[in-house]
Amino acid sequence: MRTYELMTIFRPEMAEADVRREVQRVSDALTERGAEMKKDDFWGKRRFAYEINHLTEGFYSVLQFEAEPEAIVDIDRALSLSDQVVRHKFMRPE
């Protein structure tokens, strides 16, 4: 298993409770695919360094987990298609 970090930026007009529910939903989906969650770090609403899709701020969340590479394929696609997600990125911290 490999260690991954998933940084996700959600739309700023969402309520914080809704954003936390979405983060939990992503975490649950990863766990269903065999991932072992290590850390859930919610940063809250932050300003962007530059404008993204005509937005200047968003809710940041970072999930750290261990999983097989196949486990993130479906999650990556779902986040790409979600209207609530401004940006997301899977990273290998090593």
N, C-alpha and C. Protein backbone atom coordinates (compact mmCIF):
# COMPACT_ATOMS: atom_id res chain seq x y z
N MET A 1 0.84 -1.17 0.00
CA MET A 1 0.00 0.00 0.00
C MET A 1 0.89 1.25 0.00
N ARG A 2 0.40 2.28 -0.64
CA ARG A 2 1.12 3.54 -0.75
C ARG A 2 0.42 4.63 0.06
N THR A 3 1.20 5.61 0.48
CA THR A 3 0.64 6.74 1.20
C THR A 3 0.28 7.84 0.20
N TYR A 4 -0.92 8.38 0.35
CA TYR A 4 -1.41 9.45 -0.52
C TYR A 4 -1.95 10.59 0.32
N GLU A 5 -1.97 11.76 -0.28
CA GLU A 5 -2.71 12.90 0.27
C GLU A 5 -3.65 13.39 -0.81
N LEU A 6 -4.86 13.70 -0.43
CA LEU A 6 -5.85 14.24 -1.34
C LEU A 6 -6.23 15.63 -0.87
N MET A 7 -5.86 16.64 -1.66
CA MET A 7 -6.28 18.01 -1.35
C MET A 7 -7.48 18.32 -2.24
N THR A 8 -8.52 18.82 -1.61
CA THR A 8 -9.75 19.15 -2.32
C THR A 8 -10.15 20.58 -1.96
N ILE A 9 -10.58 21.33 -2.97
CA ILE A 9 -11.10 22.68 -2.75
C ILE A 9 -12.56 22.68 -3.18
N PHE A 10 -13.43 23.03 -2.25
CA PHE A 10 -14.87 23.06 -2.51
C PHE A 10 -15.33 24.50 -2.74
N ARG A 11 -16.46 24.65 -3.40
CA ARG A 11 -17.02 25.97 -3.74
C ARG A 11 -17.28 26.80 -2.48
N PRO A 12 -17.04 28.11 -2.53
CA PRO A 12 -17.17 28.96 -1.34
C PRO A 12 -18.61 29.20 -0.90
N GLU A 13 -19.58 29.05 -1.78
CA GLU A 13 -20.97 29.32 -1.38
C GLU A 13 -21.60 28.17 -0.60
N MET A 14 -20.91 27.04 -0.50
CA MET A 14 -21.43 25.92 0.28
C MET A 14 -21.34 26.24 1.77
N ALA A 15 -22.25 25.68 2.55
CA ALA A 15 -22.17 25.82 4.01
C ALA A 15 -21.05 24.91 4.52
N GLU A 16 -20.42 25.33 5.60
CA GLU A 16 -19.30 24.53 6.13
C GLU A 16 -19.75 23.12 6.50
N ALA A 17 -20.95 22.97 7.04
CA ALA A 17 -21.46 21.64 7.40
C ALA A 17 -21.60 20.76 6.16
N ASP A 18 -22.04 21.34 5.05
CA ASP A 18 -22.17 20.58 3.80
C ASP A 18 -20.80 20.15 3.28
N VAL A 19 -19.82 21.03 3.41
CA VAL A 19 -18.46 20.71 2.96
C VAL A 19 -17.91 19.55 3.80
N ARG A 20 -18.11 19.62 5.10
CA ARG A 20 -17.63 18.54 5.98
C ARG A 20 -18.32 17.21 5.64
N ARG A 21 -19.61 17.26 5.29
CA ARG A 21 -20.31 16.03 4.87
C ARG A 21 -19.71 15.47 3.59
N GLU A 22 -19.38 16.34 2.64
CA GLU A 22 -18.77 15.89 1.39
C GLU A 22 -17.39 15.27 1.63
N VAL A 23 -16.62 15.88 2.52
CA VAL A 23 -15.31 15.32 2.87
C VAL A 23 -15.48 13.93 3.49
N GLN A 24 -16.47 13.80 4.37
CA GLN A 24 -16.73 12.49 4.98
C GLN A 24 -17.19 11.48 3.95
N ARG A 25 -17.96 11.92 2.97
CA ARG A 25 -18.41 11.03 1.91
C ARG A 25 -17.22 10.52 1.08
N VAL A 26 -16.27 11.39 0.79
CA VAL A 26 -15.06 10.99 0.06
C VAL A 26 -14.24 10.02 0.90
N SER A 27 -14.11 10.32 2.18
CA SER A 27 -13.38 9.45 3.09
C SER A 27 -14.02 8.06 3.17
N ASP A 28 -15.34 8.00 3.26
CA ASP A 28 -16.06 6.73 3.29
C ASP A 28 -15.87 5.95 1.99
N ALA A 29 -15.89 6.65 0.87
CA ALA A 29 -15.70 5.98 -0.43
C ALA A 29 -14.30 5.38 -0.52
N LEU A 30 -13.31 6.08 -0.01
CA LEU A 30 -11.95 5.55 -0.01
C LEU A 30 -11.85 4.32 0.89
N THR A 31 -12.47 4.39 2.06
CA THR A 31 -12.45 3.26 2.99
C THR A 31 -13.12 2.03 2.39
N GLU A 32 -14.22 2.23 1.65
CA GLU A 32 -14.91 1.13 0.98
C GLU A 32 -14.01 0.44 -0.05
N ARG A 33 -13.06 1.19 -0.60
CA ARG A 33 -12.14 0.63 -1.60
C ARG A 33 -10.85 0.13 -0.98
N GLY A 34 -10.84 -0.04 0.34
CA GLY A 34 -9.70 -0.64 1.02
C GLY A 34 -8.66 0.32 1.56
N ALA A 35 -8.92 1.61 1.50
CA ALA A 35 -7.96 2.60 2.01
C ALA A 35 -8.02 2.66 3.53
N GLU A 36 -6.89 2.99 4.12
CA GLU A 36 -6.80 3.17 5.57
C GLU A 36 -6.54 4.64 5.83
N MET A 37 -7.52 5.32 6.42
CA MET A 37 -7.42 6.76 6.67
C MET A 37 -6.43 7.03 7.79
N LYS A 38 -5.54 8.01 7.57
CA LYS A 38 -4.54 8.39 8.56
C LYS A 38 -4.85 9.73 9.21
N LYS A 39 -5.27 10.70 8.40
CA LYS A 39 -5.47 12.05 8.93
C LYS A 39 -6.50 12.78 8.08
N ASP A 40 -7.34 13.56 8.74
CA ASP A 40 -8.33 14.40 8.07
C ASP A 40 -8.10 15.82 8.56
N ASP A 41 -7.64 16.69 7.67
CA ASP A 41 -7.29 18.06 8.05
C ASP A 41 -8.17 19.02 7.27
N PHE A 42 -9.11 19.67 7.97
CA PHE A 42 -10.02 20.63 7.35
C PHE A 42 -9.48 22.03 7.59
N TRP A 43 -9.13 22.75 6.54
CA TRP A 43 -8.52 24.07 6.65
C TRP A 43 -9.54 25.20 6.69
N GLY A 44 -10.75 24.94 6.26
CA GLY A 44 -11.76 25.98 6.22
C GLY A 44 -11.67 26.82 4.95
N LYS A 45 -12.30 27.99 4.98
CA LYS A 45 -12.35 28.85 3.79
C LYS A 45 -11.08 29.70 3.72
N ARG A 46 -10.43 29.65 2.56
CA ARG A 46 -9.19 30.40 2.33
C ARG A 46 -9.28 31.14 1.00
N ARG A 47 -8.54 32.24 0.91
CA ARG A 47 -8.45 32.99 -0.35
C ARG A 47 -7.43 32.31 -1.25
N PHE A 48 -7.71 32.33 -2.55
CA PHE A 48 -6.78 31.77 -3.54
C PHE A 48 -5.68 32.78 -3.84
N ALA A 49 -4.55 32.28 -4.28
CA ALA A 49 -3.46 33.16 -4.72
C ALA A 49 -3.82 33.81 -6.05
N TYR A 50 -4.65 33.13 -6.83
CA TYR A 50 -5.11 33.64 -8.12
C TYR A 50 -6.52 33.12 -8.37
N GLU A 51 -7.24 33.75 -9.25
CA GLU A 51 -8.63 33.40 -9.53
C GLU A 51 -8.71 32.05 -10.24
N ILE A 52 -9.64 31.20 -9.80
CA ILE A 52 -9.88 29.89 -10.42
C ILE A 52 -11.35 29.84 -10.80
N ASN A 53 -11.64 29.70 -12.07
CA ASN A 53 -13.03 29.62 -12.55
C ASN A 53 -13.89 30.77 -12.03
N HIS A 54 -13.35 31.98 -12.03
CA HIS A 54 -14.02 33.19 -11.57
C HIS A 54 -14.31 33.18 -10.07
N LEU A 55 -13.61 32.35 -9.31
CA LEU A 55 -13.75 32.30 -7.85
C LEU A 55 -12.46 32.79 -7.21
N THR A 56 -12.58 33.42 -6.04
CA THR A 56 -11.40 33.93 -5.36
C THR A 56 -11.15 33.25 -4.01
N GLU A 57 -12.05 32.35 -3.59
CA GLU A 57 -11.86 31.62 -2.34
C GLU A 57 -12.59 30.29 -2.40
N GLY A 58 -12.26 29.41 -1.45
CA GLY A 58 -12.89 28.10 -1.39
C GLY A 58 -12.54 27.40 -0.09
N PHE A 59 -13.24 26.30 0.19
CA PHE A 59 -13.00 25.49 1.39
C PHE A 59 -11.95 24.43 1.06
N TYR A 60 -10.87 24.41 1.85
CA TYR A 60 -9.80 23.45 1.64
C TYR A 60 -9.92 22.28 2.61
N SER A 61 -9.59 21.09 2.11
CA SER A 61 -9.56 19.89 2.94
C SER A 61 -8.41 19.00 2.46
N VAL A 62 -7.71 18.37 3.40
CA VAL A 62 -6.63 17.45 3.06
C VAL A 62 -6.88 16.13 3.78
N LEU A 63 -6.93 15.04 3.01
CA LEU A 63 -7.06 13.70 3.58
C LEU A 63 -5.75 12.96 3.35
N GLN A 64 -5.23 12.32 4.39
CA GLN A 64 -4.03 11.51 4.25
C GLN A 64 -4.45 10.06 4.48
N PHE A 65 -4.04 9.17 3.58
CA PHE A 65 -4.47 7.78 3.67
C PHE A 65 -3.47 6.86 2.99
N GLU A 66 -3.60 5.56 3.27
CA GLU A 66 -2.82 4.53 2.59
C GLU A 66 -3.79 3.70 1.77
N ALA A 67 -3.41 3.44 0.53
CA ALA A 67 -4.28 2.66 -0.36
C ALA A 67 -3.48 2.10 -1.51
N GLU A 68 -4.09 1.15 -2.19
CA GLU A 68 -3.54 0.64 -3.43
C GLU A 68 -3.85 1.65 -4.53
N PRO A 69 -3.02 1.74 -5.57
CA PRO A 69 -3.24 2.73 -6.63
C PRO A 69 -4.62 2.62 -7.31
N GLU A 70 -5.16 1.41 -7.40
CA GLU A 70 -6.46 1.23 -8.06
C GLU A 70 -7.60 1.87 -7.28
N ALA A 71 -7.41 2.06 -5.98
CA ALA A 71 -8.49 2.57 -5.13
C ALA A 71 -8.83 4.03 -5.43
N ILE A 72 -7.89 4.77 -5.99
CA ILE A 72 -8.15 6.20 -6.19
C ILE A 72 -8.71 6.54 -7.57
N VAL A 73 -8.75 5.60 -8.47
CA VAL A 73 -9.20 5.87 -9.85
C VAL A 73 -10.65 6.35 -9.88
N ASP A 74 -11.56 5.62 -9.21
CA ASP A 74 -12.98 6.00 -9.21
C ASP A 74 -13.22 7.32 -8.48
N ILE A 75 -12.49 7.52 -7.38
CA ILE A 75 -12.64 8.75 -6.61
C ILE A 75 -12.17 9.94 -7.44
N ASP A 76 -11.06 9.78 -8.14
CA ASP A 76 -10.53 10.85 -8.99
C ASP A 76 -11.57 11.25 -10.05
N ARG A 77 -12.19 10.28 -10.66
CA ARG A 77 -13.20 10.57 -11.69
C ARG A 77 -14.42 11.27 -11.08
N ALA A 78 -14.89 10.78 -9.94
CA ALA A 78 -16.06 11.37 -9.30
C ALA A 78 -15.80 12.83 -8.89
N LEU A 79 -14.61 13.10 -8.37
CA LEU A 79 -14.28 14.47 -7.98
C LEU A 79 -14.15 15.38 -9.21
N SER A 80 -13.65 14.83 -10.30
CA SER A 80 -13.53 15.61 -11.54
C SER A 80 -14.90 16.02 -12.08
N LEU A 81 -15.90 15.18 -11.89
CA LEU A 81 -17.24 15.44 -12.41
C LEU A 81 -18.12 16.25 -11.46
N SER A 82 -17.71 16.36 -10.21
CA SER A 82 -18.53 17.05 -9.21
C SER A 82 -18.55 18.56 -9.44
N ASP A 83 -19.75 19.13 -9.38
CA ASP A 83 -19.90 20.58 -9.51
C ASP A 83 -19.48 21.32 -8.24
N GLN A 84 -19.44 20.62 -7.11
CA GLN A 84 -19.10 21.24 -5.84
C GLN A 84 -17.59 21.37 -5.62
N VAL A 85 -16.80 20.64 -6.41
CA VAL A 85 -15.35 20.64 -6.26
C VAL A 85 -14.73 21.59 -7.27
N VAL A 86 -13.97 22.57 -6.78
CA VAL A 86 -13.28 23.52 -7.65
C VAL A 86 -12.03 22.86 -8.22
N ARG A 87 -11.21 22.26 -7.35
CA ARG A 87 -9.99 21.55 -7.74
C ARG A 87 -9.75 20.41 -6.77
N HIS A 88 -9.04 19.39 -7.24
CA HIS A 88 -8.57 18.32 -6.36
C HIS A 88 -7.26 17.79 -6.90
N LYS A 89 -6.47 17.21 -6.02
CA LYS A 89 -5.19 16.67 -6.43
C LYS A 89 -4.77 15.57 -5.48
N PHE A 90 -4.39 14.41 -6.05
CA PHE A 90 -3.80 13.32 -5.27
C PHE A 90 -2.29 13.50 -5.33
N MET A 91 -1.63 13.39 -4.16
CA MET A 91 -0.18 13.55 -4.09
C MET A 91 0.43 12.39 -3.32
N ARG A 92 1.67 12.05 -3.67
CA ARG A 92 2.46 11.10 -2.91
C ARG A 92 3.46 11.88 -2.06
N PRO A 93 3.31 11.91 -0.73
CA PRO A 93 4.17 12.76 0.10
C PRO A 93 5.64 12.37 0.15
N GLU A 94 6.00 11.12 -0.15
CA GLU A 94 7.41 10.73 -0.08
C GLU A 94 8.21 11.40 -1.16
